[in-house]
PDB file of N, CA and C in Angstrom:
ATOM      1  N   UNK A   1      78.143  32.614  58.568  1.00  0.00           N
ATOM      2  CA  UNK A   1      78.729  31.667  59.451  1.00  0.00           C
ATOM      3  C   UNK A   1      77.581  30.973  60.287  1.00  0.00           C
ATOM      4  N   UNK A   2      77.778  29.791  60.451  1.00  0.00           N
ATOM      5  CA  UNK A   2      76.965  29.002  61.362  1.00  0.00           C
ATOM      6  C   UNK A   2      77.716  28.421  62.489  1.00  0.00           C
ATOM      7  N   UNK A   3      77.216  28.571  63.776  1.00  0.00           N
ATOM      8  CA  UNK A   3      77.951  28.231  64.856  1.00  0.00           C
ATOM      9  C   UNK A   3      77.029  27.429  65.888  1.00  0.00           C
ATOM     10  N   UNK A   4      77.525  26.309  66.327  1.00  0.00           N
ATOM     11  CA  UNK A   4      76.800  25.499  67.325  1.00  0.00           C
ATOM     12  C   UNK A   4      77.768  25.032  68.300  1.00  0.00           C
ATOM     13  N   UNK A   5      77.323  24.725  69.527  1.00  0.00           N
ATOM     14  CA  UNK A   5      78.161  24.147  70.540  1.00  0.00           C
ATOM     15  C   UNK A   5      77.565  23.061  71.365  1.00  0.00           C
ATOM     16  N   UNK A   6      78.379  22.336  71.969  1.00  0.00           N
ATOM     17  CA  UNK A   6      77.922  21.198  72.830  1.00  0.00           C
ATOM     18  C   UNK A   6      78.976  21.179  73.906  1.00  0.00           C
ATOM     19  N   UNK A   7      78.470  21.283  75.189  1.00  0.00           N
ATOM     20  CA  UNK A   7      79.384  21.264  76.365  1.00  0.00           C
ATOM     21  C   UNK A   7      79.490  19.892  76.923  1.00  0.00           C
ATOM     22  N   UNK A   8      80.672  19.526  77.339  1.00  0.00           N
ATOM     23  CA  UNK A   8      80.956  18.352  78.006  1.00  0.00           C
ATOM     24  C   UNK A   8      81.819  18.592  79.221  1.00  0.00           C
ATOM     25  N   UNK A   9      81.223  18.895  80.364  1.00  0.00           N
ATOM     26  CA  UNK A   9      81.952  19.238  81.612  1.00  0.00           C
ATOM     27  C   UNK A   9      82.725  20.537  81.357  1.00  0.00           C
ATOM     28  N   UNK A  10      84.031  20.507  81.445  1.00  0.00           N
ATOM     29  CA  UNK A  10      84.840  21.644  81.160  1.00  0.00           C
ATOM     30  C   UNK A  10      85.282  21.944  79.795  1.00  0.00           C
ATOM     31  N   UNK A  11      84.748  21.131  78.875  1.00  0.00           N
ATOM     32  CA  UNK A  11      85.155  21.115  77.407  1.00  0.00           C
ATOM     33  C   UNK A  11      83.922  21.509  76.678  1.00  0.00           C
ATOM     34  N   UNK A  12      84.120  22.417  75.711  1.00  0.00           N
ATOM     35  CA  UNK A  12      83.009  22.768  74.752  1.00  0.00           C
ATOM     36  C   UNK A  12      83.525  22.449  73.330  1.00  0.00           C
ATOM     37  N   UNK A  13      82.665  21.844  72.577  1.00  0.00           N
ATOM     38  CA  UNK A  13      82.948  21.560  71.217  1.00  0.00           C
ATOM     39  C   UNK A  13      82.249  22.646  70.334  1.00  0.00           C
ATOM     40  N   UNK A  14      82.809  23.416  69.747  1.00  0.00           N
ATOM     41  CA  UNK A  14      82.252  24.502  68.827  1.00  0.00           C
ATOM     42  C   UNK A  14      82.322  24.098  67.381  1.00  0.00           C
ATOM     43  N   UNK A  15      81.234  23.993  66.719  1.00  0.00           N
ATOM     44  CA  UNK A  15      81.233  23.613  65.276  1.00  0.00           C
ATOM     45  C   UNK A  15      81.003  24.879  64.443  1.00  0.00           C
ATOM     46  N   UNK A  16      81.941  25.154  63.568  1.00  0.00           N
ATOM     47  CA  UNK A  16      81.888  26.435  62.851  1.00  0.00           C
ATOM     48  C   UNK A  16      81.851  25.921  61.355  1.00  0.00           C
ATOM     49  N   UNK A  17      80.770  26.513  60.633  1.00  0.00           N
ATOM     50  CA  UNK A  17      80.704  26.259  59.155  1.00  0.00           C
ATOM     51  C   UNK A  17      80.445  27.489  58.469  1.00  0.00           C
ATOM     52  N   UNK A  18      80.814  27.522  57.160  1.00  0.00           N
ATOM     53  CA  UNK A  18      80.677  28.741  56.339  1.00  0.00           C
ATOM     54  C   UNK A  18      81.981  29.590  56.396  1.00  0.00           C
ATOM     55  N   UNK A  19      81.788  30.923  56.652  1.00  0.00           N
ATOM     56  CA  UNK A  19      82.910  31.859  56.540  1.00  0.00           C
ATOM     57  C   UNK A  19      83.052  32.489  57.919  1.00  0.00           C
ATOM     58  N   UNK A  20      84.292  32.439  58.461  1.00  0.00           N
ATOM     59  CA  UNK A  20      84.584  33.177  59.737  1.00  0.00           C
ATOM     60  C   UNK A  20      85.280  34.372  59.413  1.00  0.00           C
ATOM     61  N   UNK A  21      84.668  35.504  59.170  1.00  0.00           N
ATOM     62  CA  UNK A  21      85.166  36.802  58.796  1.00  0.00           C
ATOM     63  C   UNK A  21      84.738  37.894  59.776  1.00  0.00           C
ATOM     64  N   UNK A  22      85.236  39.106  59.429  1.00  0.00           N
ATOM     65  CA  UNK A  22      84.945  40.244  60.258  1.00  0.00           C
ATOM     66  C   UNK A  22      83.466  40.396  60.427  1.00  0.00           C
ATOM     67  N   UNK A  23      82.598  40.005  59.449  1.00  0.00           N
ATOM     68  CA  UNK A  23      81.190  40.186  59.517  1.00  0.00           C
ATOM     69  C   UNK A  23      80.601  39.289  60.628  1.00  0.00           C
ATOM     70  N   UNK A  24      81.241  38.228  60.871  1.00  0.00           N
ATOM     71  CA  UNK A  24      80.650  37.255  61.896  1.00  0.00           C
ATOM     72  C   UNK A  24      81.410  37.242  63.160  1.00  0.00           C
ATOM     73  N   UNK A  25      82.557  37.974  63.279  1.00  0.00           N
ATOM     74  CA  UNK A  25      83.483  37.975  64.446  1.00  0.00           C
ATOM     75  C   UNK A  25      82.816  38.318  65.749  1.00  0.00           C
ATOM     76  N   UNK A  26      81.905  39.298  65.806  1.00  0.00           N
ATOM     77  CA  UNK A  26      81.282  39.678  67.032  1.00  0.00           C
ATOM     78  C   UNK A  26      80.414  38.558  67.626  1.00  0.00           C
ATOM     79  N   UNK A  27      79.639  37.966  66.744  1.00  0.00           N
ATOM     80  CA  UNK A  27      78.773  36.770  67.174  1.00  0.00           C
ATOM     81  C   UNK A  27      79.604  35.615  67.704  1.00  0.00           C
ATOM     82  N   UNK A  28      80.674  35.320  66.948  1.00  0.00           N
ATOM     83  CA  UNK A  28      81.614  34.205  67.308  1.00  0.00           C
ATOM     84  C   UNK A  28      82.257  34.516  68.745  1.00  0.00           C
ATOM     85  N   UNK A  29      82.700  35.721  68.888  1.00  0.00           N
ATOM     86  CA  UNK A  29      83.346  36.032  70.121  1.00  0.00           C
ATOM     87  C   UNK A  29      82.432  35.998  71.364  1.00  0.00           C
ATOM     88  N   UNK A  30      81.229  36.509  71.031  1.00  0.00           N
ATOM     89  CA  UNK A  30      80.131  36.497  72.084  1.00  0.00           C
ATOM     90  C   UNK A  30      79.871  35.097  72.542  1.00  0.00           C
ATOM     91  N   UNK A  31      79.745  34.209  71.587  1.00  0.00           N
ATOM     92  CA  UNK A  31      79.394  32.790  71.915  1.00  0.00           C
ATOM     93  C   UNK A  31      80.469  32.151  72.752  1.00  0.00           C
ATOM     94  N   UNK A  32      81.616  32.389  72.332  1.00  0.00           N
ATOM     95  CA  UNK A  32      82.865  31.886  72.947  1.00  0.00           C
ATOM     96  C   UNK A  32      82.976  32.357  74.443  1.00  0.00           C
ATOM     97  N   UNK A  33      82.768  33.642  74.562  1.00  0.00           N
ATOM     98  CA  UNK A  33      82.805  34.353  75.906  1.00  0.00           C
ATOM     99  C   UNK A  33      81.701  33.740  76.871  1.00  0.00           C
ATOM    100  N   UNK A  34      80.528  33.527  76.295  1.00  0.00           N
ATOM    101  CA  UNK A  34      79.433  32.889  77.036  1.00  0.00           C
ATOM    102  C   UNK A  34      79.816  31.463  77.560  1.00  0.00           C
ATOM    103  N   UNK A  35      80.510  30.711  76.687  1.00  0.00           N
ATOM    104  CA  UNK A  35      81.023  29.375  77.076  1.00  0.00           C
ATOM    105  C   UNK A  35      82.068  29.468  78.176  1.00  0.00           C
ATOM    106  N   UNK A  36      82.977  30.411  78.119  1.00  0.00           N
ATOM    107  CA  UNK A  36      83.962  30.570  79.093  1.00  0.00           C
ATOM    108  C   UNK A  36      83.281  31.067  80.361  1.00  0.00           C
ATOM    109  N   UNK A  37      82.305  31.929  80.309  1.00  0.00           N
ATOM    110  CA  UNK A  37      81.682  32.433  81.494  1.00  0.00           C
ATOM    111  C   UNK A  37      80.895  31.366  82.086  1.00  0.00           C
ATOM    112  N   UNK A  38      80.390  30.346  81.405  1.00  0.00           N
ATOM    113  CA  UNK A  38      79.762  29.194  81.895  1.00  0.00           C
ATOM    114  C   UNK A  38      80.600  28.238  82.565  1.00  0.00           C
ATOM    115  N   UNK A  39      81.919  28.390  82.575  1.00  0.00           N
ATOM    116  CA  UNK A  39      82.836  27.611  83.191  1.00  0.00           C
ATOM    117  C   UNK A  39      83.641  26.599  82.373  1.00  0.00           C
ATOM    118  N   UNK A  40      83.546  26.823  81.067  1.00  0.00           N
ATOM    119  CA  UNK A  40      84.247  25.973  80.177  1.00  0.00           C
ATOM    120  C   UNK A  40      85.807  26.436  80.163  1.00  0.00           C
ATOM    121  N   UNK A  41      86.633  25.356  80.167  1.00  0.00           N
ATOM    122  CA  UNK A  41      88.051  25.733  80.262  1.00  0.00           C
ATOM    123  C   UNK A  41      88.749  25.337  78.931  1.00  0.00           C
ATOM    124  N   UNK A  42      88.346  24.169  78.300  1.00  0.00           N
ATOM    125  CA  UNK A  42      88.959  23.729  77.216  1.00  0.00           C
ATOM    126  C   UNK A  42      88.059  23.833  75.966  1.00  0.00           C
ATOM    127  N   UNK A  43      88.578  24.173  74.719  1.00  0.00           N
ATOM    128  CA  UNK A  43      87.825  24.336  73.548  1.00  0.00           C
ATOM    129  C   UNK A  43      88.237  23.456  72.434  1.00  0.00           C
ATOM    130  N   UNK A  44      87.251  22.801  71.776  1.00  0.00           N
ATOM    131  CA  UNK A  44      87.542  22.002  70.592  1.00  0.00           C
ATOM    132  C   UNK A  44      86.817  22.645  69.574  1.00  0.00           C
ATOM    133  N   UNK A  45      87.465  23.124  68.531  1.00  0.00           N
ATOM    134  CA  UNK A  45      86.899  23.801  67.388  1.00  0.00           C
ATOM    135  C   UNK A  45      86.807  22.825  66.116  1.00  0.00           C
ATOM    136  N   UNK A  46      85.584  22.411  65.757  1.00  0.00           N
ATOM    137  CA  UNK A  46      85.442  21.636  64.676  1.00  0.00           C
ATOM    138  C   UNK A  46      85.344  22.539  63.383  1.00  0.00           C
ATOM    139  N   UNK A  47      86.376  22.456  62.523  1.00  0.00           N
ATOM    140  CA  UNK A  47      86.446  23.414  61.454  1.00  0.00           C
ATOM    141  C   UNK A  47      86.170  22.675  60.059  1.00  0.00           C
ATOM    142  N   UNK A  48      85.582  21.494  60.169  1.00  0.00           N
ATOM    143  CA  UNK A  48      85.532  20.633  58.882  1.00  0.00           C
ATOM    144  C   UNK A  48      84.642  21.418  57.861  1.00  0.00           C
ATOM    145  N   UNK A  49      83.671  22.099  58.240  1.00  0.00           N
ATOM    146  CA  UNK A  49      82.862  22.836  57.253  1.00  0.00           C
ATOM    147  C   UNK A  49      83.099  24.319  57.141  1.00  0.00           C
ATOM    148  N   UNK A  50      84.310  24.697  57.712  1.00  0.00           N
ATOM    149  CA  UNK A  50      84.685  26.157  57.565  1.00  0.00           C
ATOM    150  C   UNK A  50      85.260  26.362  56.125  1.00  0.00           C
ATOM    151  N   UNK A  51      84.739  27.182  55.391  1.00  0.00           N
ATOM    152  CA  UNK A  51      85.221  27.436  53.940  1.00  0.00           C
ATOM    153  C   UNK A  51      86.155  28.515  53.816  1.00  0.00           C
ATOM    154  N   UNK A  52      86.137  29.468  54.694  1.00  0.00           N
ATOM    155  CA  UNK A  52      86.999  30.672  54.648  1.00  0.00           C
ATOM    156  C   UNK A  52      87.222  31.267  55.984  1.00  0.00           C
ATOM    157  N   UNK A  53      88.424  31.825  56.183  1.00  0.00           N
ATOM    158  CA  UNK A  53      88.694  32.511  57.421  1.00  0.00           C
ATOM    159  C   UNK A  53      89.616  33.663  56.993  1.00  0.00           C
ATOM    160  N   UNK A  54      89.235  34.892  57.568  1.00  0.00           N
ATOM    161  CA  UNK A  54      90.102  36.112  57.251  1.00  0.00           C
ATOM    162  C   UNK A  54      90.895  36.521  58.471  1.00  0.00           C
ATOM    163  N   UNK A  55      91.479  37.609  58.343  1.00  0.00           N
ATOM    164  CA  UNK A  55      92.390  38.004  59.512  1.00  0.00           C
ATOM    165  C   UNK A  55      91.632  38.216  60.810  1.00  0.00           C
ATOM    166  N   UNK A  56      90.347  38.690  60.702  1.00  0.00           N
ATOM    167  CA  UNK A  56      89.605  38.807  62.011  1.00  0.00           C
ATOM    168  C   UNK A  56      89.308  37.396  62.511  1.00  0.00           C
ATOM    169  N   UNK A  57      88.985  36.449  61.610  1.00  0.00           N
ATOM    170  CA  UNK A  57      88.775  35.084  62.181  1.00  0.00           C
ATOM    171  C   UNK A  57      90.080  34.460  62.848  1.00  0.00           C
ATOM    172  N   UNK A  58      91.255  34.717  62.101  1.00  0.00           N
ATOM    173  CA  UNK A  58      92.455  34.267  62.776  1.00  0.00           C
ATOM    174  C   UNK A  58      92.733  34.894  64.070  1.00  0.00           C
ATOM    175  N   UNK A  59      92.450  36.137  64.190  1.00  0.00           N
ATOM    176  CA  UNK A  59      92.711  36.799  65.429  1.00  0.00           C
ATOM    177  C   UNK A  59      91.737  36.163  66.544  1.00  0.00           C
ATOM    178  N   UNK A  60      90.479  35.787  66.203  1.00  0.00           N
ATOM    179  CA  UNK A  60      89.589  35.149  67.163  1.00  0.00           C
ATOM    180  C   UNK A  60      90.155  33.857  67.550  1.00  0.00           C
ATOM    181  N   UNK A  61      90.762  33.038  66.702  1.00  0.00           N
ATOM    182  CA  UNK A  61      91.271  31.739  67.039  1.00  0.00           C
ATOM    183  C   UNK A  61      92.396  31.902  68.066  1.00  0.00           C
ATOM    184  N   UNK A  62      93.215  33.025  67.783  1.00  0.00           N
ATOM    185  CA  UNK A  62      94.401  33.255  68.763  1.00  0.00           C
ATOM    186  C   UNK A  62      93.814  33.729  70.059  1.00  0.00           C
ATOM    187  N   UNK A  63      92.752  34.523  70.119  1.00  0.00           N
ATOM    188  CA  UNK A  63      92.050  35.000  71.229  1.00  0.00           C
ATOM    189  C   UNK A  63      91.445  33.778  72.082  1.00  0.00           C
ATOM    190  N   UNK A  64      90.999  32.789  71.446  1.00  0.00           N
ATOM    191  CA  UNK A  64      90.485  31.619  72.061  1.00  0.00           C
ATOM    192  C   UNK A  64      91.589  30.891  72.743  1.00  0.00           C
ATOM    193  N   UNK A  65      92.702  30.762  72.102  1.00  0.00           N
ATOM    194  CA  UNK A  65      93.902  30.055  72.742  1.00  0.00           C
ATOM    195  C   UNK A  65      94.324  30.808  74.061  1.00  0.00           C
ATOM    196  N   UNK A  66      94.328  32.152  73.983  1.00  0.00           N
ATOM    197  CA  UNK A  66      94.750  32.897  75.129  1.00  0.00           C
ATOM    198  C   UNK A  66      93.695  32.890  76.185  1.00  0.00           C
ATOM    199  N   UNK A  67      92.464  32.939  75.897  1.00  0.00           N
ATOM    200  CA  UNK A  67      91.430  32.903  76.960  1.00  0.00           C
ATOM    201  C   UNK A  67      91.385  31.482  77.599  1.00  0.00           C
ATOM    202  N   UNK A  68      91.549  30.462  76.788  1.00  0.00           N
ATOM    203  CA  UNK A  68      91.532  29.061  77.401  1.00  0.00           C
ATOM    204  C   UNK A  68      92.775  29.053  78.347  1.00  0.00           C
ATOM    205  N   UNK A  69      93.987  29.517  77.917  1.00  0.00           N
ATOM    206  CA  UNK A  69      95.133  29.461  78.778  1.00  0.00           C
ATOM    207  C   UNK A  69      94.941  30.191  80.073  1.00  0.00           C
ATOM    208  N   UNK A  70      94.229  31.372  79.943  1.00  0.00           N
ATOM    209  CA  UNK A  70      93.874  32.180  81.163  1.00  0.00           C
ATOM    210  C   UNK A  70      93.135  31.405  82.209  1.00  0.00           C
ATOM    211  N   UNK A  71      92.406  30.395  81.702  1.00  0.00           N
ATOM    212  CA  UNK A  71      91.654  29.525  82.555  1.00  0.00           C
ATOM    213  C   UNK A  71      92.209  28.159  82.769  1.00  0.00           C
ATOM    214  N   UNK A  72      93.533  28.112  82.485  1.00  0.00           N
ATOM    215  CA  UNK A  72      94.287  26.896  82.644  1.00  0.00           C
ATOM    216  C   UNK A  72      93.731  25.803  81.688  1.00  0.00           C
ATOM    217  N   UNK A  73      93.275  26.251  80.547  1.00  0.00           N
ATOM    218  CA  UNK A  73      92.709  25.304  79.515  1.00  0.00           C
ATOM    219  C   UNK A  73      93.558  25.385  78.242  1.00  0.00           C
ATOM    220  N   UNK A  74      93.040  24.637  77.290  1.00  0.00           N
ATOM    221  CA  UNK A  74      93.630  24.578  75.951  1.00  0.00           C
ATOM    222  C   UNK A  74      92.644  24.596  74.837  1.00  0.00           C
ATOM    223  N   UNK A  75      93.147  24.817  73.707  1.00  0.00           N
ATOM    224  CA  UNK A  75      92.264  24.845  72.515  1.00  0.00           C
ATOM    225  C   UNK A  75      92.846  23.828  71.437  1.00  0.00           C
ATOM    226  N   UNK A  76      91.844  23.021  70.822  1.00  0.00           N
ATOM    227  CA  UNK A  76      92.328  22.124  69.805  1.00  0.00           C
ATOM    228  C   UNK A  76      91.497  22.405  68.613  1.00  0.00           C
ATOM    229  N   UNK A  77      91.995  22.226  67.435  1.00  0.00           N
ATOM    230  CA  UNK A  77      91.285  22.439  66.133  1.00  0.00           C
ATOM    231  C   UNK A  77      91.148  21.012  65.560  1.00  0.00           C
ATOM    232  N   UNK A  78      89.955  20.836  64.872  1.00  0.00           N
ATOM    233  CA  UNK A  78      89.632  19.520  64.275  1.00  0.00           C
ATOM    234  C   UNK A  78      89.340  19.736  62.784  1.00  0.00           C
ATOM    235  N   UNK A  79      90.041  19.058  61.921  1.00  0.00           N
ATOM    236  CA  UNK A  79      89.703  18.854  60.546  1.00  0.00           C
ATOM    237  C   UNK A  79      89.566  20.113  59.748  1.00  0.00           C
ATOM    238  N   UNK A  80      90.521  21.082  59.848  1.00  0.00           N
ATOM    239  CA  UNK A  80      90.320  22.276  58.991  1.00  0.00           C
ATOM    240  C   UNK A  80      90.481  21.815  57.473  1.00  0.00           C
ATOM    241  N   UNK A  81      89.590  22.347  56.691  1.00  0.00           N
ATOM    242  CA  UNK A  81      89.659  21.950  55.181  1.00  0.00           C
ATOM    243  C   UNK A  81      91.016  22.481  54.578  1.00  0.00           C
ATOM    244  N   UNK A  82      91.143  21.975  53.406  1.00  0.00           N
ATOM    245  CA  UNK A  82      92.290  22.343  52.638  1.00  0.00           C
ATOM    246  C   UNK A  82      92.598  23.799  52.532  1.00  0.00           C
ATOM    247  N   UNK A  83      91.580  24.629  52.274  1.00  0.00           N
ATOM    248  CA  UNK A  83      91.803  26.012  52.015  1.00  0.00           C
ATOM    249  C   UNK A  83      92.175  26.711  53.410  1.00  0.00           C
ATOM    250  N   UNK A  84      91.423  26.276  54.462  1.00  0.00           N
ATOM    251  CA  UNK A  84      91.738  26.858  55.706  1.00  0.00           C
ATOM    252  C   UNK A  84      93.217  26.414  56.280  1.00  0.00           C
ATOM    253  N   UNK A  85      93.531  25.172  55.990  1.00  0.00           N
ATOM    254  CA  UNK A  85      94.844  24.731  56.426  1.00  0.00           C
ATOM    255  C   UNK A  85      95.959  25.457  55.638  1.00  0.00           C
ATOM    256  N   UNK A  86      95.679  25.763  54.383  1.00  0.00           N
ATOM    257  CA  UNK A  86      96.609  26.530  53.574  1.00  0.00           C
ATOM    258  C   UNK A  86      96.804  27.966  54.134  1.00  0.00           C
ATOM    259  N   UNK A  87      95.748  28.510  54.626  1.00  0.00           N
ATOM    260  CA  UNK A  87      95.781  29.863  55.237  1.00  0.00           C
ATOM    261  C   UNK A  87      96.624  29.785  56.510  1.00  0.00           C
ATOM    262  N   UNK A  88      96.372  28.742  57.318  1.00  0.00           N
ATOM    263  CA  UNK A  88      97.289  28.584  58.509  1.00  0.00           C
ATOM    264  C   UNK A  88      98.679  28.404  58.173  1.00  0.00           C
ATOM    265  N   UNK A  89      99.068  27.753  57.077  1.00  0.00           N
ATOM    266  CA  UNK A  89     100.452  27.514  56.641  1.00  0.00           C
ATOM    267  C   UNK A  89     101.102  28.859  56.154  1.00  0.00           C
ATOM    268  N   UNK A  90     100.337  29.491  55.346  1.00  0.00           N
ATOM    269  CA  UNK A  90     100.839  30.824  54.754  1.00  0.00           C
ATOM    270  C   UNK A  90     101.069  31.791  55.926  1.00  0.00           C
ATOM    271  N   UNK A  91     100.214  31.909  56.879  1.00  0.00           N
ATOM    272  CA  UNK A  91     100.419  32.818  57.977  1.00  0.00           C
ATOM    273  C   UNK A  91     101.351  32.275  59.035  1.00  0.00           C
ATOM    274  N   UNK A  92     101.715  31.034  58.874  1.00  0.00           N
ATOM    275  CA  UNK A  92     102.664  30.263  59.872  1.00  0.00           C
ATOM    276  C   UNK A  92     101.899  30.192  61.232  1.00  0.00           C
ATOM    277  N   UNK A  93     100.620  30.244  61.249  1.00  0.00           N
ATOM    278  CA  UNK A  93      99.825  29.983  62.495  1.00  0.00           C
ATOM    279  C   UNK A  93      99.635  28.481  62.709  1.00  0.00           C
ATOM    280  N   UNK A  94     100.047  27.622  61.686  1.00  0.00           N
ATOM    281  CA  UNK A  94      99.849  26.217  61.843  1.00  0.00           C
ATOM    282  C   UNK A  94     100.810  25.745  63.037  1.00  0.00           C
ATOM    283  N   UNK A  95     101.761  26.593  63.332  1.00  0.00           N
ATOM    284  CA  UNK A  95     102.540  26.348  64.475  1.00  0.00           C
ATOM    285  C   UNK A  95     101.986  26.558  65.872  1.00  0.00           C
ATOM    286  N   UNK A  96     100.924  27.440  65.885  1.00  0.00           N
ATOM    287  CA  UNK A  96     100.251  27.773  67.105  1.00  0.00           C
ATOM    288  C   UNK A  96      99.150  26.858  67.490  1.00  0.00           C
ATOM    289  N   UNK A  97      98.651  26.218  66.441  1.00  0.00           N
ATOM    290  CA  UNK A  97      97.428  25.378  66.664  1.00  0.00           C
ATOM    291  C   UNK A  97      97.665  23.873  66.749  1.00  0.00           C
ATOM    292  N   UNK A  98      97.081  23.279  67.657  1.00  0.00           N
ATOM    293  CA  UNK A  98      97.148  21.723  67.732  1.00  0.00           C
ATOM    294  C   UNK A  98      95.913  21.263  66.880  1.00  0.00           C
ATOM    295  N   UNK A  99      96.268  20.610  65.857  1.00  0.00           N
ATOM    296  CA  UNK A  99      95.293  20.117  64.864  1.00  0.00           C
ATOM    297  C   UNK A  99      95.046  18.588  64.952  1.00  0.00           C
ATOM    298  N   UNK A 100      93.781  18.101  65.014  1.00  0.00           N
ATOM    299  CA  UNK A 100      93.543  16.649  65.142  1.00  0.00           C
ATOM    300  C   UNK A 100      92.581  16.369  63.982  1.00  0.00           C
ATOM    301  N   UNK A 101      92.464  15.053  63.814  1.00  0.00           N
ATOM    302  CA  UNK A 101      91.661  14.516  62.648  1.00  0.00           C
ATOM    303  C   UNK A 101      90.134  14.202  63.132  1.00  0.00           C
ATOM    304  N   UNK A 102      89.911  14.202  64.399  1.00  0.00           N
ATOM    305  CA  UNK A 102      88.658  13.891  64.918  1.00  0.00           C
ATOM    306  C   UNK A 102      88.345  14.655  66.209  1.00  0.00           C
ATOM    307  N   UNK A 103      87.107  14.841  66.512  1.00  0.00           N
ATOM    308  CA  UNK A 103      86.746  15.468  67.794  1.00  0.00           C
ATOM    309  C   UNK A 103      87.109  14.644  69.011  1.00  0.00           C
ATOM    310  N   UNK A 104      87.115  13.292  68.800  1.00  0.00           N
ATOM    311  CA  UNK A 104      87.459  12.359  69.880  1.00  0.00           C
ATOM    312  C   UNK A 104      88.882  12.453  70.171  1.00  0.00           C
ATOM    313  N   UNK A 105      89.627  12.550  69.127  1.00  0.00           N
ATOM    314  CA  UNK A 105      91.165  12.607  69.262  1.00  0.00           C
ATOM    315  C   UNK A 105      91.507  13.934  69.985  1.00  0.00           C
ATOM    316  N   UNK A 106      90.910  14.972  69.533  1.00  0.00           N
ATOM    317  CA  UNK A 106      91.084  16.323  70.076  1.00  0.00           C
ATOM    318  C   UNK A 106      90.693  16.309  71.581  1.00  0.00           C
ATOM    319  N   UNK A 107      89.599  15.824  71.941  1.00  0.00           N
ATOM    320  CA  UNK A 107      89.205  15.751  73.373  1.00  0.00           C
ATOM    321  C   UNK A 107      90.028  14.879  74.165  1.00  0.00           C
ATOM    322  N   UNK A 108      90.409  13.769  73.570  1.00  0.00           N
ATOM    323  CA  UNK A 108      91.323  12.826  74.420  1.00  0.00           C
ATOM    324  C   UNK A 108      92.768  13.524  74.628  1.00  0.00           C
ATOM    325  N   UNK A 109      93.168  14.399  73.780  1.00  0.00           N
ATOM    326  CA  UNK A 109      94.457  15.054  73.965  1.00  0.00           C
ATOM    327  C   UNK A 109      94.389  16.106  75.105  1.00  0.00           C
ATOM    328  N   UNK A 110      93.213  16.400  75.447  1.00  0.00           N
ATOM    329  CA  UNK A 110      93.020  17.474  76.576  1.00  0.00           C
ATOM    330  C   UNK A 110      93.022  16.822  77.938  1.00  0.00           C
ATOM    331  N   UNK A 111      93.035  15.567  77.957  1.00  0.00           N
ATOM    332  CA  UNK A 111      93.001  14.824  79.380  1.00  0.00           C
ATOM    333  C   UNK A 111      94.369  14.655  79.818  1.00  0.00           C
TER     334      UNK A 111
END
């Protein structure tokens, strides 16, 4: 998994590529926690280049939603690929995530 972020006031845009699995869960959680500790309230997750997500990765996405909510913030997902979207649908988590087609649209929905 490759992870990068860019902060914009109380919003952070996290770009995730590769596989978000149990092997990378700790690094992902640590990075997210650092962003929250730095004062970030809202999270936009760019998943365009995420190729696979397992149950540990799904659990992390749910954790981000909860952590953002604890800070009066929200989480938005951007462009999950076909495989990842199918996983969301099969697990019925597509109902929990607000998905947008662009980072701009996701950020705008947070205002």
